[in-house]
Amino acid sequence: MKKRAGGRIFAIAIVMSLIMLAVLVVSCGGESQQVRETADEQKYPPGTSEEMLTETTGGGELASESGEAQAGVEEEEEKEEESTTQADAAAAEIAGARFTVIEATRQESNADILTTGQREVAGDYYEIELEIENAGDDIVDLSEYSFRIWSEGIDADAYEGYYGTDGRLGKYVSENMISGTLLDYTTLQPATYKLKIGESVDGVFLFFDLNPKRTARNEGVTGEGTNLVFYKSRGEDSGESVEINLAGYPE
């Protein structure tokens, strides 16, 4: 009798050991699975709800602030690159003079060039502000340059009938090209300066009448189809020219 009782106790002990071992295995596996699920789960700021996630991204994923900031930086860099490219495209150099277009705008009257006693006239005018730098190795004489504009929409034959020999706002050069006078914003007089090496001048501009027979807008002249031409008319390198297309400026 004592041997059978001892055998039962031994058997019960083995069964209990197996049960405890099984419980430990299941418990460890569950904890491992929970740890993995917790590690794979994306962490969100306190108070974030599923509704907030859906509204933020449309797909149940919260857009991170750092990601938005990075996107903003990249967008600003793209804008800076575009503006740099445009600035480079809006400059040209000839015979030591570097011309940069600061601004080009269409005006509805000649008010910006009027002096005392002159009459304001409605029409279609192109005002082009410039900066000019002597980037060469000798004096630059601006009186040796001719400032011109070309467009298929320009009728150069129409200017003499209205302006006669006054070529400030347009004078015949060829069928679709006219010349104008470089003016100083302060005095509204011709800017026939001489620039020392390394000197630059701003506050100078051109003012072209695009439609000398009518007050209406000349629809045939567009920025994309218009070139500003700098022509060396006298002195060294006479006969040479460079052009700047006016695409991208306000119409």
Protein backbone atom coordinates (compact mmCIF):
# COMPACT_ATOMS: atom_id res chain seq x y z
CA MET A 1 0.00 0.00 0.00
CA LYS A 2 2.75 2.42 0.80
CA LYS A 3 4.43 1.77 -2.57
CA ARG A 4 1.21 2.50 -4.55
CA ALA A 5 0.64 5.74 -2.60
CA GLY A 6 4.19 6.86 -3.24
CA GLY A 7 3.81 6.12 -6.96
CA ARG A 8 0.63 8.21 -7.18
CA ILE A 9 2.35 11.15 -5.49
CA PHE A 10 5.27 10.88 -7.92
CA ALA A 11 2.93 10.76 -10.92
CA ILE A 12 0.99 13.81 -9.72
CA ALA A 13 4.23 15.74 -9.26
CA ILE A 14 5.26 14.96 -12.85
CA VAL A 15 1.88 16.06 -14.23
CA MET A 16 2.02 19.34 -12.25
CA SER A 17 5.52 20.01 -13.56
CA LEU A 18 4.39 19.50 -17.14
CA ILE A 19 1.41 21.83 -16.63
CA MET A 20 3.62 24.58 -15.15
CA LEU A 21 6.10 24.21 -18.02
CA ALA A 22 3.29 24.55 -20.56
CA VAL A 23 1.98 27.67 -18.82
CA LEU A 24 5.44 29.24 -18.85
CA VAL A 25 5.89 28.54 -22.57
CA VAL A 26 2.49 30.05 -23.43
CA SER A 27 3.15 33.07 -21.21
CA CYS A 28 6.57 33.77 -22.74
CA GLY A 29 5.25 33.43 -26.26
CA GLY A 30 2.39 35.82 -25.55
CA GLU A 31 4.73 38.39 -24.09
CA SER A 32 7.06 38.11 -27.10
CA GLN A 33 4.12 38.54 -29.47
CA GLN A 34 2.91 41.57 -27.47
CA VAL A 35 6.39 43.11 -27.51
CA ARG A 36 6.62 42.68 -31.27
CA GLU A 37 3.18 44.20 -31.81
CA THR A 38 4.05 47.14 -29.57
CA ALA A 39 7.35 47.70 -31.40
CA ASP A 40 5.61 47.61 -34.81
CA GLU A 41 2.91 50.04 -33.72
CA GLN A 42 3.48 53.71 -34.76
CA LYS A 43 3.54 56.13 -31.83
CA TYR A 44 1.31 59.23 -32.04
CA PRO A 45 1.08 62.36 -29.88
CA PRO A 46 -1.13 62.10 -26.75
CA GLY A 47 -4.81 62.65 -27.48
CA THR A 48 -4.60 61.58 -31.15
CA SER A 49 -7.76 59.79 -32.30
CA GLU A 50 -8.50 57.68 -35.38
CA GLU A 51 -10.69 60.53 -36.66
CA MET A 52 -7.78 62.94 -36.38
CA LEU A 53 -5.52 60.54 -38.25
CA THR A 54 -7.97 60.18 -41.12
CA GLU A 55 -8.53 63.94 -41.42
CA THR A 56 -4.79 64.65 -41.39
CA THR A 57 -3.65 62.31 -44.13
CA GLY A 58 -6.77 60.78 -45.63
CA GLY A 59 -5.27 57.35 -45.11
CA GLY A 60 -5.13 56.86 -41.37
CA GLU A 61 -1.45 57.86 -41.05
CA LEU A 62 -0.48 60.99 -39.21
CA ALA A 63 1.69 63.35 -41.24
CA SER A 64 4.74 64.06 -39.09
CA GLU A 65 5.70 67.64 -38.33
CA SER A 66 9.29 66.91 -39.25
CA GLY A 67 8.15 65.57 -42.62
CA GLU A 68 6.12 68.71 -43.27
CA ALA A 69 9.05 70.89 -42.25
CA GLN A 70 11.36 68.97 -44.59
CA ALA A 71 8.85 69.35 -47.43
CA GLY A 72 8.74 73.10 -46.76
CA VAL A 73 12.53 73.35 -46.88
CA GLU A 74 12.66 71.44 -50.17
CA GLU A 75 9.95 73.69 -51.64
CA GLU A 76 11.86 76.83 -50.63
CA GLU A 77 15.05 75.42 -52.17
CA GLU A 78 13.19 74.75 -55.43
CA LYS A 79 11.85 78.32 -55.45
CA GLU A 80 15.33 79.74 -54.85
CA GLU A 81 16.71 77.61 -57.67
CA GLU A 82 13.96 78.80 -60.03
CA SER A 83 14.51 82.46 -59.12
CA THR A 84 18.27 82.08 -59.62
CA THR A 85 17.70 80.55 -63.03
CA GLN A 86 15.36 83.39 -64.01
CA ALA A 87 17.85 86.02 -62.81
CA ASP A 88 20.62 84.43 -64.88
CA ALA A 89 18.35 84.32 -67.93
CA ALA A 90 17.46 88.02 -67.49
CA ALA A 91 21.02 89.26 -67.87
CA ALA A 92 23.29 89.67 -70.87
CA GLU A 93 26.77 91.10 -71.46
CA ILE A 94 28.26 92.87 -74.44
CA ALA A 95 31.47 94.87 -74.85
CA GLY A 96 32.14 94.92 -71.10
CA ALA A 97 28.62 96.09 -70.10
CA ARG A 98 26.41 93.65 -68.22
CA PHE A 99 22.69 94.46 -68.49
CA THR A 100 20.19 92.95 -66.03
CA VAL A 101 16.42 93.31 -66.29
CA ILE A 102 15.13 94.24 -62.83
CA GLU A 103 11.48 94.56 -63.78
CA ALA A 104 9.36 94.67 -66.92
CA THR A 105 5.71 95.79 -66.72
CA ARG A 106 2.98 96.94 -69.06
CA GLN A 107 1.61 100.44 -68.36
CA GLU A 108 -1.73 101.94 -69.46
CA SER A 109 -0.42 105.49 -69.93
CA ASN A 110 2.78 107.48 -70.34
CA ALA A 111 2.46 108.97 -66.82
CA ASP A 112 5.79 107.58 -65.60
CA ILE A 113 7.80 109.67 -68.06
CA LEU A 114 5.90 112.95 -67.92
CA THR A 115 7.63 116.18 -66.96
CA THR A 116 6.02 119.54 -66.26
CA GLY A 117 3.64 120.67 -68.99
CA GLN A 118 3.51 117.36 -70.84
CA ARG A 119 0.24 115.62 -71.65
CA GLU A 120 -0.73 112.21 -70.30
CA VAL A 121 -1.77 109.83 -73.06
CA ALA A 122 -3.48 106.48 -72.60
CA GLY A 123 -2.11 103.51 -74.48
CA ASP A 124 -0.03 100.34 -74.23
CA TYR A 125 3.49 100.96 -72.92
CA TYR A 126 6.30 98.66 -71.84
CA GLU A 127 8.43 99.89 -68.92
CA ILE A 128 11.71 97.98 -68.43
CA GLU A 129 13.93 98.78 -65.45
CA LEU A 130 17.63 97.91 -65.81
CA GLU A 131 20.81 97.60 -63.80
CA ILE A 132 24.04 98.09 -65.73
CA GLU A 133 27.50 97.06 -64.57
CA ASN A 134 30.90 97.64 -66.12
CA ALA A 135 32.22 94.07 -66.00
CA GLY A 136 34.97 94.72 -68.54
CA ASP A 137 38.52 96.03 -68.47
CA ASP A 138 37.92 99.54 -69.83
CA ILE A 139 35.47 102.43 -69.49
CA VAL A 140 31.89 101.69 -70.65
CA ASP A 141 30.22 104.57 -72.50
CA LEU A 142 26.46 103.99 -72.51
CA SER A 143 26.00 106.49 -75.34
CA GLU A 144 27.61 103.89 -77.62
CA TYR A 145 24.77 101.41 -77.10
CA SER A 146 21.40 101.22 -78.80
CA PHE A 147 18.48 99.84 -76.75
CA ARG A 148 15.94 97.99 -78.83
CA ILE A 149 12.89 95.76 -78.56
CA TRP A 150 11.72 93.14 -81.05
CA SER A 151 8.34 91.42 -81.36
CA GLU A 152 6.25 90.17 -84.26
CA GLY A 153 3.44 92.29 -82.84
CA ILE A 154 5.38 95.54 -83.32
CA ASP A 155 4.76 97.58 -86.49
CA ALA A 156 7.90 99.68 -86.70
CA ASP A 157 6.56 101.69 -89.67
CA ALA A 158 3.85 103.20 -87.44
CA TYR A 159 6.14 105.24 -85.18
CA GLU A 160 7.33 108.06 -87.39
CA GLY A 161 3.76 109.21 -88.08
CA TYR A 162 3.13 109.84 -84.38
CA TYR A 163 6.57 110.57 -82.89
CA GLY A 164 8.40 112.04 -85.87
CA THR A 165 12.11 112.25 -85.07
CA ASP A 166 11.60 111.85 -81.29
CA GLY A 167 12.84 108.32 -80.71
CA ARG A 168 12.51 108.09 -76.94
CA LEU A 169 9.51 105.73 -76.99
CA GLY A 170 10.10 104.06 -80.31
CA LYS A 171 11.96 104.57 -83.57
CA TYR A 172 12.14 102.39 -86.66
CA VAL A 173 15.00 99.90 -86.82
CA SER A 174 13.49 97.09 -88.89
CA GLU A 175 10.04 95.67 -89.65
CA ASN A 176 9.36 94.38 -86.11
CA MET A 177 12.08 96.18 -84.15
CA ILE A 178 12.21 99.65 -82.62
CA SER A 179 14.80 101.48 -80.54
CA GLY A 180 14.23 103.59 -77.43
CA THR A 181 16.12 105.93 -75.12
CA LEU A 182 17.66 104.83 -71.83
CA LEU A 183 16.24 107.20 -69.19
CA ASP A 184 17.09 108.08 -65.59
CA TYR A 185 14.19 107.72 -63.12
CA THR A 186 15.34 110.76 -61.13
CA THR A 187 15.68 113.25 -63.95
CA LEU A 188 13.74 111.52 -66.77
CA GLN A 189 16.64 112.55 -68.99
CA PRO A 190 18.77 110.29 -71.22
CA ALA A 191 21.20 108.21 -69.14
CA THR A 192 24.31 108.63 -71.27
CA TYR A 193 26.76 107.77 -68.50
CA LYS A 194 30.33 106.58 -68.57
CA LEU A 195 30.99 103.77 -66.09
CA LYS A 196 34.34 103.05 -64.50
CA ILE A 197 35.57 99.46 -64.28
CA GLY A 198 33.54 97.73 -61.56
CA GLU A 199 30.96 100.53 -61.37
CA SER A 200 27.25 99.76 -61.65
CA VAL A 201 24.21 101.95 -62.05
CA ASP A 202 20.55 101.28 -61.33
CA GLY A 203 17.48 103.49 -61.50
CA VAL A 204 17.58 103.55 -65.30
CA PHE A 205 14.82 102.33 -67.59
CA LEU A 206 13.35 102.07 -71.06
CA PHE A 207 9.79 103.08 -71.92
CA PHE A 208 8.43 101.78 -75.23
CA ASP A 209 5.10 102.63 -76.81
CA LEU A 210 3.79 99.29 -78.11
CA ASN A 211 0.82 100.75 -80.02
CA PRO A 212 1.55 104.27 -81.35
CA LYS A 213 -1.68 104.52 -83.41
CA ARG A 214 -4.18 103.32 -80.78
CA THR A 215 -4.89 103.51 -77.06
CA ALA A 216 -5.84 99.82 -77.01
CA ARG A 217 -3.53 97.07 -75.83
CA ASN A 218 -1.35 95.51 -78.52
CA GLU A 219 -2.34 91.86 -78.11
CA GLY A 220 0.32 90.82 -80.61
CA VAL A 221 3.08 91.64 -78.11
CA THR A 222 3.65 89.01 -75.42
CA GLY A 223 6.52 88.43 -73.02
CA GLU A 224 7.36 85.08 -74.59
CA GLY A 225 7.47 86.63 -78.05
CA THR A 226 9.45 89.75 -77.12
CA ASN A 227 13.22 90.21 -76.98
CA LEU A 228 15.09 93.14 -75.47
CA VAL A 229 18.12 93.82 -77.69
CA PHE A 230 21.35 95.56 -76.68
CA TYR A 231 23.25 96.70 -79.76
CA LYS A 232 26.78 98.20 -79.80
CA SER A 233 26.32 100.99 -82.32
CA ARG A 234 29.68 102.79 -81.97
CA GLY A 235 33.21 102.21 -80.71
CA GLU A 236 34.91 98.90 -80.11
CA ASP A 237 32.81 95.81 -80.91
CA SER A 238 30.34 97.94 -82.88
CA GLY A 239 27.79 95.87 -84.76
CA GLU A 240 27.51 93.21 -82.07
CA SER A 241 24.33 92.59 -80.09
CA VAL A 242 22.85 90.42 -77.33
CA GLU A 243 19.23 89.70 -76.44
CA ILE A 244 17.08 88.95 -73.40
CA ASN A 245 13.70 87.28 -73.78
CA LEU A 246 11.04 88.87 -71.54
CA ALA A 247 9.06 85.72 -70.77
CA GLY A 248 8.06 85.40 -67.11
CA TYR A 249 7.52 89.10 -66.43
CA PRO A 250 4.02 90.52 -65.77
CA GLU A 251 1.94 91.11 -68.86
